[in-house]
Amino acid sequence: HEDDSQYNRYFSVTLKEGRNREVRRLWEAVGCQVS
């Protein structure tokens, strides 16, 4: 929801390569922290 500023959101993500810490680094690049 656009007005929802709740932290701790849950997602399913899929990628086709497995570079070192790639999922975490992608989220960090957009200002989010993987918990």
PDB file of all heavy atoms in Angstrom:
ATOM      1  N   HIS A   1       0.859  -1.178   0.000  1.00  0.00           N
ATOM      2  CA  HIS A   1       0.000   0.000   0.000  1.00  0.00           C
ATOM      3  C   HIS A   1       0.892   1.223   0.000  1.00  0.00           C
ATOM      4  O   HIS A   1       1.871   1.278   0.737  1.00  0.00           O
ATOM      5  CB  HIS A   1      -0.911   0.014   1.234  1.00  0.00           C
ATOM      6  CG  HIS A   1      -1.756  -1.216   1.353  1.00  0.00           C
ATOM      7  ND1 HIS A   1      -2.818  -1.462   0.518  1.00  0.00           N
ATOM      8  CD2 HIS A   1      -1.683  -2.276   2.190  1.00  0.00           C
ATOM      9  CE1 HIS A   1      -3.372  -2.621   0.849  1.00  0.00           C
ATOM     10  NE2 HIS A   1      -2.697  -3.136   1.850  1.00  0.00           N
ATOM     11  N   GLU A   2       0.570   2.209  -0.809  1.00  0.00           N
ATOM     12  CA  GLU A   2       1.405   3.411  -0.935  1.00  0.00           C
ATOM     13  C   GLU A   2       1.570   4.133   0.402  1.00  0.00           C
ATOM     14  O   GLU A   2       2.614   4.674   0.682  1.00  0.00           O
ATOM     15  CB  GLU A   2       0.808   4.367  -1.972  1.00  0.00           C
ATOM     16  CG  GLU A   2       0.948   3.874  -3.399  1.00  0.00           C
ATOM     17  CD  GLU A   2       2.389   3.677  -3.820  1.00  0.00           C
ATOM     18  OE1 GLU A   2       3.264   4.487  -3.444  1.00  0.00           O
ATOM     19  OE2 GLU A   2       2.642   2.701  -4.541  1.00  0.00           O
ATOM     20  N   ASP A   3       0.531   4.184   1.219  1.00  0.00           N
ATOM     21  CA  ASP A   3       0.616   4.911   2.486  1.00  0.00           C
ATOM     22  C   ASP A   3       1.144   4.037   3.623  1.00  0.00           C
ATOM     23  O   ASP A   3       1.245   4.485   4.754  1.00  0.00           O
ATOM     24  CB  ASP A   3      -0.760   5.484   2.861  1.00  0.00           C
ATOM     25  CG  ASP A   3      -1.813   4.395   3.015  1.00  0.00           C
ATOM     26  OD1 ASP A   3      -1.634   3.311   2.440  1.00  0.00           O
ATOM     27  OD2 ASP A   3      -2.811   4.650   3.708  1.00  0.00           O
ATOM     28  N   ASP A   4       1.525   2.824   3.336  1.00  0.00           N
ATOM     29  CA  ASP A   4       1.982   1.882   4.351  1.00  0.00           C
ATOM     30  C   ASP A   4       3.503   1.990   4.500  1.00  0.00           C
ATOM     31  O   ASP A   4       4.243   1.638   3.613  1.00  0.00           O
ATOM     32  CB  ASP A   4       1.598   0.458   3.933  1.00  0.00           C
ATOM     33  CG  ASP A   4       1.671  -0.520   5.079  1.00  0.00           C
ATOM     34  OD1 ASP A   4       2.123  -0.125   6.164  1.00  0.00           O
ATOM     35  OD2 ASP A   4       1.264  -1.673   4.871  1.00  0.00           O
ATOM     36  N   SER A   5       3.962   2.510   5.612  1.00  0.00           N
ATOM     37  CA  SER A   5       5.392   2.678   5.831  1.00  0.00           C
ATOM     38  C   SER A   5       5.952   1.574   6.737  1.00  0.00           C
ATOM     39  O   SER A   5       6.990   1.727   7.343  1.00  0.00           O
ATOM     40  CB  SER A   5       5.661   4.050   6.442  1.00  0.00           C
ATOM     41  OG  SER A   5       5.026   4.127   7.701  1.00  0.00           O
ATOM     42  N   GLN A   6       5.223   0.497   6.817  1.00  0.00           N
ATOM     43  CA  GLN A   6       5.592  -0.628   7.670  1.00  0.00           C
ATOM     44  C   GLN A   6       6.946  -1.203   7.270  1.00  0.00           C
ATOM     45  O   GLN A   6       7.237  -1.357   6.096  1.00  0.00           O
ATOM     46  CB  GLN A   6       4.522  -1.693   7.490  1.00  0.00           C
ATOM     47  CG  GLN A   6       4.294  -2.568   8.664  1.00  0.00           C
ATOM     48  CD  GLN A   6       3.235  -3.602   8.290  1.00  0.00           C
ATOM     49  OE1 GLN A   6       3.398  -4.330   7.339  1.00  0.00           O
ATOM     50  NE2 GLN A   6       2.172  -3.629   9.045  1.00  0.00           N
ATOM     51  N   TYR A   7       7.767  -1.495   8.258  1.00  0.00           N
ATOM     52  CA  TYR A   7       9.007  -2.201   7.979  1.00  0.00           C
ATOM     53  C   TYR A   7       8.702  -3.693   7.999  1.00  0.00           C
ATOM     54  O   TYR A   7       7.580  -4.102   8.254  1.00  0.00           O
ATOM     55  CB  TYR A   7      10.063  -1.836   9.028  1.00  0.00           C
ATOM     56  CG  TYR A   7      10.839  -0.602   8.650  1.00  0.00           C
ATOM     57  CD1 TYR A   7      10.200   0.553   8.218  1.00  0.00           C
ATOM     58  CD2 TYR A   7      12.215  -0.587   8.699  1.00  0.00           C
ATOM     59  CE1 TYR A   7      10.904   1.669   7.853  1.00  0.00           C
ATOM     60  CE2 TYR A   7      12.929   0.529   8.344  1.00  0.00           C
ATOM     61  CZ  TYR A   7      12.268   1.660   7.925  1.00  0.00           C
ATOM     62  OH  TYR A   7      12.983   2.762   7.561  1.00  0.00           O
ATOM     63  N   ASN A   8       9.683  -4.492   7.708  1.00  0.00           N
ATOM     64  CA  ASN A   8       9.537  -5.943   7.666  1.00  0.00           C
ATOM     65  C   ASN A   8       8.495  -6.394   6.646  1.00  0.00           C
ATOM     66  O   ASN A   8       7.445  -6.905   6.982  1.00  0.00           O
ATOM     67  CB  ASN A   8       9.215  -6.530   9.045  1.00  0.00           C
ATOM     68  CG  ASN A   8      10.379  -6.426   9.981  1.00  0.00           C
ATOM     69  OD1 ASN A   8      11.531  -6.378   9.545  1.00  0.00           O
ATOM     70  ND2 ASN A   8      10.111  -6.381  11.261  1.00  0.00           N
ATOM     71  N   ARG A   9       8.812  -6.190   5.410  1.00  0.00           N
ATOM     72  CA  ARG A   9       7.989  -6.666   4.308  1.00  0.00           C
ATOM     73  C   ARG A   9       8.562  -7.988   3.814  1.00  0.00           C
ATOM     74  O   ARG A   9       9.767  -8.210   3.854  1.00  0.00           O
ATOM     75  CB  ARG A   9       7.982  -5.656   3.176  1.00  0.00           C
ATOM     76  CG  ARG A   9       7.374  -4.354   3.568  1.00  0.00           C
ATOM     77  CD  ARG A   9       7.005  -3.639   2.294  1.00  0.00           C
ATOM     78  NE  ARG A   9       6.313  -2.430   2.586  1.00  0.00           N
ATOM     79  CZ  ARG A   9       5.022  -2.363   2.850  1.00  0.00           C
ATOM     80  NH1 ARG A   9       4.291  -3.431   2.854  1.00  0.00           N
ATOM     81  NH2 ARG A   9       4.459  -1.218   3.108  1.00  0.00           N
ATOM     82  N   TYR A  10       7.689  -8.836   3.291  1.00  0.00           N
ATOM     83  CA  TYR A  10       8.092 -10.164   2.825  1.00  0.00           C
ATOM     84  C   TYR A  10       7.888 -10.277   1.319  1.00  0.00           C
ATOM     85  O   TYR A  10       6.857  -9.864   0.798  1.00  0.00           O
ATOM     86  CB  TYR A  10       7.263 -11.242   3.534  1.00  0.00           C
ATOM     87  CG  TYR A  10       7.523 -11.286   5.021  1.00  0.00           C
ATOM     88  CD1 TYR A  10       6.850 -10.442   5.890  1.00  0.00           C
ATOM     89  CD2 TYR A  10       8.461 -12.172   5.543  1.00  0.00           C
ATOM     90  CE1 TYR A  10       7.095 -10.475   7.252  1.00  0.00           C
ATOM     91  CE2 TYR A  10       8.713 -12.214   6.901  1.00  0.00           C
ATOM     92  CZ  TYR A  10       8.030 -11.358   7.748  1.00  0.00           C
ATOM     93  OH  TYR A  10       8.277 -11.394   9.100  1.00  0.00           O
ATOM     94  N   PHE A  11       8.908 -10.865   0.653  1.00  0.00           N
ATOM     95  CA  PHE A  11       8.880 -11.008  -0.802  1.00  0.00           C
ATOM     96  C   PHE A  11       9.406 -12.375  -1.207  1.00  0.00           C
ATOM     97  O   PHE A  11      10.211 -12.984  -0.499  1.00  0.00           O
ATOM     98  CB  PHE A  11       9.750  -9.938  -1.484  1.00  0.00           C
ATOM     99  CG  PHE A  11       9.268  -8.548  -1.265  1.00  0.00           C
ATOM    100  CD1 PHE A  11       9.707  -7.815  -0.175  1.00  0.00           C
ATOM    101  CD2 PHE A  11       8.362  -7.970  -2.136  1.00  0.00           C
ATOM    102  CE1 PHE A  11       9.247  -6.532   0.044  1.00  0.00           C
ATOM    103  CE2 PHE A  11       7.896  -6.687  -1.924  1.00  0.00           C
ATOM    104  CZ  PHE A  11       8.343  -5.965  -0.829  1.00  0.00           C
ATOM    105  N   SER A  12       8.964 -12.801  -2.364  1.00  0.00           N
ATOM    106  CA  SER A  12       9.555 -13.953  -3.036  1.00  0.00           C
ATOM    107  C   SER A  12      10.339 -13.377  -4.208  1.00  0.00           C
ATOM    108  O   SER A  12       9.792 -12.610  -5.004  1.00  0.00           O
ATOM    109  CB  SER A  12       8.464 -14.891  -3.544  1.00  0.00           C
ATOM    110  OG  SER A  12       9.022 -15.828  -4.430  1.00  0.00           O
ATOM    111  N   VAL A  13      11.633 -13.720  -4.291  1.00  0.00           N
ATOM    112  CA  VAL A  13      12.472 -13.228  -5.383  1.00  0.00           C
ATOM    113  C   VAL A  13      13.123 -14.415  -6.080  1.00  0.00           C
ATOM    114  O   VAL A  13      13.436 -15.423  -5.451  1.00  0.00           O
ATOM    115  CB  VAL A  13      13.545 -12.232  -4.895  1.00  0.00           C
ATOM    116  CG1 VAL A  13      12.893 -11.000  -4.292  1.00  0.00           C
ATOM    117  CG2 VAL A  13      14.509 -12.866  -3.925  1.00  0.00           C
ATOM    118  N   THR A  14      13.297 -14.286  -7.396  1.00  0.00           N
ATOM    119  CA  THR A  14      13.908 -15.347  -8.191  1.00  0.00           C
ATOM    120  C   THR A  14      15.004 -14.737  -9.050  1.00  0.00           C
ATOM    121  O   THR A  14      14.828 -13.665  -9.620  1.00  0.00           O
ATOM    122  CB  THR A  14      12.860 -16.011  -9.100  1.00  0.00           C
ATOM    123  OG1 THR A  14      11.786 -16.483  -8.287  1.00  0.00           O
ATOM    124  CG2 THR A  14      13.459 -17.187  -9.863  1.00  0.00           C
ATOM    125  N   LEU A  15      16.134 -15.430  -9.102  1.00  0.00           N
ATOM    126  CA  LEU A  15      17.210 -15.057 -10.006  1.00  0.00           C
ATOM    127  C   LEU A  15      17.837 -16.309 -10.580  1.00  0.00           C
ATOM    128  O   LEU A  15      17.605 -17.410 -10.083  1.00  0.00           O
ATOM    129  CB  LEU A  15      18.239 -14.148  -9.350  1.00  0.00           C
ATOM    130  CG  LEU A  15      18.666 -14.356  -7.907  1.00  0.00           C
ATOM    131  CD1 LEU A  15      19.643 -15.474  -7.760  1.00  0.00           C
ATOM    132  CD2 LEU A  15      19.273 -13.071  -7.406  1.00  0.00           C
ATOM    133  N   LYS A  16      18.617 -16.148 -11.648  1.00  0.00           N
ATOM    134  CA  LYS A  16      19.166 -17.307 -12.352  1.00  0.00           C
ATOM    135  C   LYS A  16      20.675 -17.426 -12.232  1.00  0.00           C
ATOM    136  O   LYS A  16      21.297 -18.133 -12.992  1.00  0.00           O
ATOM    137  CB  LYS A  16      18.769 -17.261 -13.826  1.00  0.00           C
ATOM    138  CG  LYS A  16      17.300 -17.492 -14.039  1.00  0.00           C
ATOM    139  CD  LYS A  16      16.946 -17.491 -15.492  1.00  0.00           C
ATOM    140  CE  LYS A  16      15.455 -17.698 -15.663  1.00  0.00           C
ATOM    141  NZ  LYS A  16      15.019 -17.414 -17.015  1.00  0.00           N
ATOM    142  N   GLU A  17      21.233 -16.714 -11.314  1.00  0.00           N
ATOM    143  CA  GLU A  17      22.653 -16.864 -11.021  1.00  0.00           C
ATOM    144  C   GLU A  17      22.811 -16.729  -9.528  1.00  0.00           C
ATOM    145  O   GLU A  17      21.906 -16.289  -8.848  1.00  0.00           O
ATOM    146  CB  GLU A  17      23.496 -15.841 -11.782  1.00  0.00           C
ATOM    147  CG  GLU A  17      23.137 -14.417 -11.485  1.00  0.00           C
ATOM    148  CD  GLU A  17      23.941 -13.442 -12.319  1.00  0.00           C
ATOM    149  OE1 GLU A  17      24.840 -13.860 -13.057  1.00  0.00           O
ATOM    150  OE2 GLU A  17      23.674 -12.251 -12.220  1.00  0.00           O
ATOM    151  N   GLY A  18      23.948 -17.118  -9.037  1.00  0.00           N
ATOM    152  CA  GLY A  18      24.111 -17.104  -7.592  1.00  0.00           C
ATOM    153  C   GLY A  18      25.396 -16.432  -7.170  1.00  0.00           C
ATOM    154  O   GLY A  18      26.223 -17.025  -6.500  1.00  0.00           O
ATOM    155  N   ARG A  19      25.548 -15.171  -7.578  1.00  0.00           N
ATOM    156  CA  ARG A  19      26.754 -14.455  -7.161  1.00  0.00           C
ATOM    157  C   ARG A  19      26.752 -14.240  -5.655  1.00  0.00           C
ATOM    158  O   ARG A  19      25.695 -14.250  -5.018  1.00  0.00           O
ATOM    159  CB  ARG A  19      26.844 -13.108  -7.872  1.00  0.00           C
ATOM    160  CG  ARG A  19      27.239 -13.267  -9.318  1.00  0.00           C
ATOM    161  CD  ARG A  19      27.536 -11.938  -9.932  1.00  0.00           C
ATOM    162  NE  ARG A  19      26.313 -11.394 -10.510  1.00  0.00           N
ATOM    163  CZ  ARG A  19      26.167 -10.142 -10.895  1.00  0.00           C
ATOM    164  NH1 ARG A  19      27.136  -9.282 -10.749  1.00  0.00           N
ATOM    165  NH2 ARG A  19      25.028  -9.743 -11.425  1.00  0.00           N
ATOM    166  N   ASN A  20      27.912 -14.001  -5.109  1.00  0.00           N
ATOM    167  CA  ASN A  20      28.092 -13.849  -3.671  1.00  0.00           C
ATOM    168  C   ASN A  20      27.162 -12.779  -3.092  1.00  0.00           C
ATOM    169  O   ASN A  20      27.226 -11.624  -3.498  1.00  0.00           O
ATOM    170  CB  ASN A  20      29.560 -13.495  -3.387  1.00  0.00           C
ATOM    171  CG  ASN A  20      29.874 -13.503  -1.912  1.00  0.00           C
ATOM    172  OD1 ASN A  20      29.282 -14.259  -1.147  1.00  0.00           O
ATOM    173  ND2 ASN A  20      30.802 -12.663  -1.518  1.00  0.00           N
ATOM    174  N   ARG A  21      26.281 -13.202  -2.191  1.00  0.00           N
ATOM    175  CA  ARG A  21      25.369 -12.322  -1.462  1.00  0.00           C
ATOM    176  C   ARG A  21      24.537 -11.422  -2.392  1.00  0.00           C
ATOM    177  O   ARG A  21      24.180 -10.305  -2.047  1.00  0.00           O
ATOM    178  CB  ARG A  21      26.147 -11.482  -0.450  1.00  0.00           C
ATOM    179  CG  ARG A  21      26.831 -12.306   0.618  1.00  0.00           C
ATOM    180  CD  ARG A  21      27.703 -11.502   1.560  1.00  0.00           C
ATOM    181  NE  ARG A  21      27.095 -10.279   2.045  1.00  0.00           N
ATOM    182  CZ  ARG A  21      26.280 -10.164   3.088  1.00  0.00           C
ATOM    183  NH1 ARG A  21      25.975 -11.222   3.780  1.00  0.00           N
ATOM    184  NH2 ARG A  21      25.804  -9.005   3.449  1.00  0.00           N
ATOM    185  N   GLU A  22      24.209 -11.931  -3.570  1.00  0.00           N
ATOM    186  CA  GLU A  22      23.541 -11.122  -4.593  1.00  0.00           C
ATOM    187  C   GLU A  22      22.178 -10.610  -4.146  1.00  0.00           C
ATOM    188  O   GLU A  22      21.840  -9.443  -4.386  1.00  0.00           O
ATOM    189  CB  GLU A  22      23.409 -11.930  -5.879  1.00  0.00           C
ATOM    190  CG  GLU A  22      22.898 -11.138  -7.044  1.00  0.00           C
ATOM    191  CD  GLU A  22      22.951 -11.919  -8.343  1.00  0.00           C
ATOM    192  OE1 GLU A  22      23.232 -13.131  -8.331  1.00  0.00           O
ATOM    193  OE2 GLU A  22      22.690 -11.306  -9.389  1.00  0.00           O
ATOM    194  N   VAL A  23      21.379 -11.448  -3.521  1.00  0.00           N
ATOM    195  CA  VAL A  23      20.044 -11.017  -3.077  1.00  0.00           C
ATOM    196  C   VAL A  23      20.181  -9.879  -2.067  1.00  0.00           C
ATOM    197  O   VAL A  23      19.525  -8.836  -2.187  1.00  0.00           O
ATOM    198  CB  VAL A  23      19.252 -12.195  -2.461  1.00  0.00           C
ATOM    199  CG1 VAL A  23      17.954 -11.716  -1.850  1.00  0.00           C
ATOM    200  CG2 VAL A  23      18.991 -13.260  -3.512  1.00  0.00           C
ATOM    201  N   ARG A  24      21.055 -10.043  -1.097  1.00  0.00           N
ATOM    202  CA  ARG A  24      21.247  -9.001  -0.070  1.00  0.00           C
ATOM    203  C   ARG A  24      21.776  -7.707  -0.689  1.00  0.00           C
ATOM    204  O   ARG A  24      21.315  -6.611  -0.353  1.00  0.00           O
ATOM    205  CB  ARG A  24      22.216  -9.492   1.004  1.00  0.00           C
ATOM    206  CG  ARG A  24      21.657 -10.614   1.839  1.00  0.00           C
ATOM    207  CD  ARG A  24      22.693 -11.090   2.873  1.00  0.00           C
ATOM    208  NE  ARG A  24      22.244 -12.290   3.534  1.00  0.00           N
ATOM    209  CZ  ARG A  24      21.407 -12.325   4.552  1.00  0.00           C
ATOM    210  NH1 ARG A  24      20.919 -11.204   5.039  1.00  0.00           N
ATOM    211  NH2 ARG A  24      21.048 -13.478   5.094  1.00  0.00           N
ATOM    212  N   ARG A  25      22.731  -7.833  -1.597  1.00  0.00           N
ATOM    213  CA  ARG A  25      23.329  -6.636  -2.198  1.00  0.00           C
ATOM    214  C   ARG A  25      22.341  -5.875  -3.068  1.00  0.00           C
ATOM    215  O   ARG A  25      22.362  -4.644  -3.118  1.00  0.00           O
ATOM    216  CB  ARG A  25      24.592  -7.002  -2.982  1.00  0.00           C
ATOM    217  CG  ARG A  25      25.713  -7.476  -2.059  1.00  0.00           C
ATOM    218  CD  ARG A  25      27.025  -7.734  -2.781  1.00  0.00           C
ATOM    219  NE  ARG A  25      26.873  -8.718  -3.837  1.00  0.00           N
ATOM    220  CZ  ARG A  25      27.360  -8.563  -5.067  1.00  0.00           C
ATOM    221  NH1 ARG A  25      28.027  -7.484  -5.412  1.00  0.00           N
ATOM    222  NH2 ARG A  25      27.189  -9.506  -5.973  1.00  0.00           N
ATOM    223  N   LEU A  26      21.458  -6.591  -3.780  1.00  0.00           N
ATOM    224  CA  LEU A  26      20.434  -5.904  -4.573  1.00  0.00           C
ATOM    225  C   LEU A  26      19.509  -5.083  -3.676  1.00  0.00           C
ATOM    226  O   LEU A  26      19.213  -3.924  -3.975  1.00  0.00           O
ATOM    227  CB  LEU A  26      19.630  -6.916  -5.392  1.00  0.00           C
ATOM    228  CG  LEU A  26      20.224  -7.312  -6.724  1.00  0.00           C
ATOM    229  CD1 LEU A  26      19.551  -8.559  -7.278  1.00  0.00           C
ATOM    230  CD2 LEU A  26      20.126  -6.163  -7.721  1.00  0.00           C
ATOM    231  N   TRP A  27      19.045  -5.686  -2.591  1.00  0.00           N
ATOM    232  CA  TRP A  27      18.159  -4.946  -1.683  1.00  0.00           C
ATOM    233  C   TRP A  27      18.890  -3.766  -1.045  1.00  0.00           C
ATOM    234  O   TRP A  27      18.315  -2.679  -0.895  1.00  0.00           O
ATOM    235  CB  TRP A  27      17.591  -5.876  -0.610  1.00  0.00           C
ATOM    236  CG  TRP A  27      16.474  -6.729  -1.111  1.00  0.00           C
ATOM    237  CD1 TRP A  27      16.519  -8.052  -1.415  1.00  0.00           C
ATOM    238  CD2 TRP A  27      15.138  -6.306  -1.394  1.00  0.00           C
ATOM    239  NE1 TRP A  27      15.294  -8.492  -1.872  1.00  0.00           N
ATOM    240  CE2 TRP A  27      14.430  -7.435  -1.860  1.00  0.00           C
ATOM    241  CE3 TRP A  27      14.464  -5.093  -1.291  1.00  0.00           C
ATOM    242  CZ2 TRP A  27      13.091  -7.381  -2.223  1.00  0.00           C
ATOM    243  CZ3 TRP A  27      13.123  -5.043  -1.650  1.00  0.00           C
ATOM    244  CH2 TRP A  27      12.460  -6.172  -2.112  1.00  0.00           C
ATOM    245  N   GLU A  28      20.155  -3.971  -0.674  1.00  0.00           N
ATOM    246  CA  GLU A  28      20.912  -2.867  -0.074  1.00  0.00           C
ATOM    247  C   GLU A  28      21.089  -1.715  -1.066  1.00  0.00           C
ATOM    248  O   GLU A  28      21.108  -0.548  -0.668  1.00  0.00           O
ATOM    249  CB  GLU A  28      22.275  -3.376   0.414  1.00  0.00           C
ATOM    250  CG  GLU A  28      22.158  -4.233   1.655  1.00  0.00           C
ATOM    251  CD  GLU A  28      23.444  -4.987   2.000  1.00  0.00           C
ATOM    252  OE1 GLU A  28      24.476  -4.790   1.309  1.00  0.00           O
ATOM    253  OE2 GLU A  28      23.402  -5.767   2.968  1.00  0.00           O
ATOM    254  N   ALA A  29      21.221  -2.038  -2.352  1.00  0.00           N
ATOM    255  CA  ALA A  29      21.395  -1.005  -3.377  1.00  0.00           C
ATOM    256  C   ALA A  29      20.178  -0.084  -3.489  1.00  0.00           C
ATOM    257  O   ALA A  29      20.311   1.047  -3.964  1.00  0.00           O
ATOM    258  CB  ALA A  29      21.684  -1.655  -4.728  1.00  0.00           C
ATOM    259  N   VAL A  30      19.002  -0.551  -3.053  1.00  0.00           N
ATOM    260  CA  VAL A  30      17.799   0.294  -3.087  1.00  0.00           C
ATOM    261  C   VAL A  30      17.441   0.801  -1.685  1.00  0.00           C
ATOM    262  O   VAL A  30      16.321   1.255  -1.455  1.00  0.00           O
ATOM    263  CB  VAL A  30      16.589  -0.441  -3.739  1.00  0.00           C
ATOM    264  CG1 VAL A  30      16.854  -0.694  -5.209  1.00  0.00           C
ATOM    265  CG2 VAL A  30      16.242  -1.719  -3.000  1.00  0.00           C
ATOM    266  N   GLY A  31      18.394   0.699  -0.756  1.00  0.00           N
ATOM    267  CA  GLY A  31      18.202   1.268   0.577  1.00  0.00           C
ATOM    268  C   GLY A  31      17.447   0.405   1.561  1.00  0.00           C
ATOM    269  O   GLY A  31      16.937   0.912   2.553  1.00  0.00           O
ATOM    270  N   CYS A  32      17.370  -0.893   1.320  1.00  0.00           N
ATOM    271  CA  CYS A  32      16.664  -1.794   2.234  1.00  0.00           C
ATOM    272  C   CYS A  32      17.646  -2.759   2.883  1.00  0.00           C
ATOM    273  O   CYS A  32      18.686  -3.083   2.314  1.00  0.00           O
ATOM    274  CB  CYS A  32      15.597  -2.590   1.479  1.00  0.00           C
ATOM    275  SG  CYS A  32      14.285  -1.561   0.809  1.00  0.00           S
ATOM    276  N   GLN A  33      17.295  -3.218   4.048  1.00  0.00           N
ATOM    277  CA  GLN A  33      18.129  -4.159   4.796  1.00  0.00           C
ATOM    278  C   GLN A  33      17.422  -5.508   4.857  1.00  0.00           C
ATOM    279  O   GLN A  33      16.262  -5.590   5.253  1.00  0.00           O
ATOM    280  CB  GLN A  33      18.348  -3.631   6.220  1.00  0.00           C
ATOM    281  CG  GLN A  33      19.188  -4.508   7.094  1.00  0.00           C
ATOM    282  CD  GLN A  33      20.657  -4.441   6.730  1.00  0.00           C
ATOM    283  OE1 GLN A  33      21.144  -3.411   6.271  1.00  0.00           O
ATOM    284  NE2 GLN A  33      21.361  -5.530   6.910  1.00  0.00           N
ATOM    285  N   VAL A  34      18.106  -6.570   4.456  1.00  0.00           N
ATOM    286  CA  VAL A  34      17.549  -7.918   4.542  1.00  0.00           C
ATOM    287  C   VAL A  34      17.721  -8.409   5.971  1.00  0.00           C
ATOM    288  O   VAL A  34      18.824  -8.441   6.502  1.00  0.00           O
ATOM    289  CB  VAL A  34      18.255  -8.874   3.555  1.00  0.00           C
ATOM    290  CG1 VAL A  34      17.800 -10.314   3.783  1.00  0.00           C
ATOM    291  CG2 VAL A  34      17.985  -8.456   2.133  1.00  0.00           C
ATOM    292  N   SER A  35      16.613  -8.788   6.585  1.00  0.00           N
ATOM    293  CA  SER A  35      16.698  -9.291   7.955  1.00  0.00           C
ATOM    294  C   SER A  35      16.477 -10.802   8.038  1.00  0.00           C
ATOM    295  O   SER A  35      16.791 -11.406   9.057  1.00  0.00           O
ATOM    296  CB  SER A  35      15.695  -8.565   8.860  1.00  0.00           C
ATOM    297  OG  SER A  35      14.386  -8.700   8.374  1.00  0.00           O
TER     298      SER A  35
END
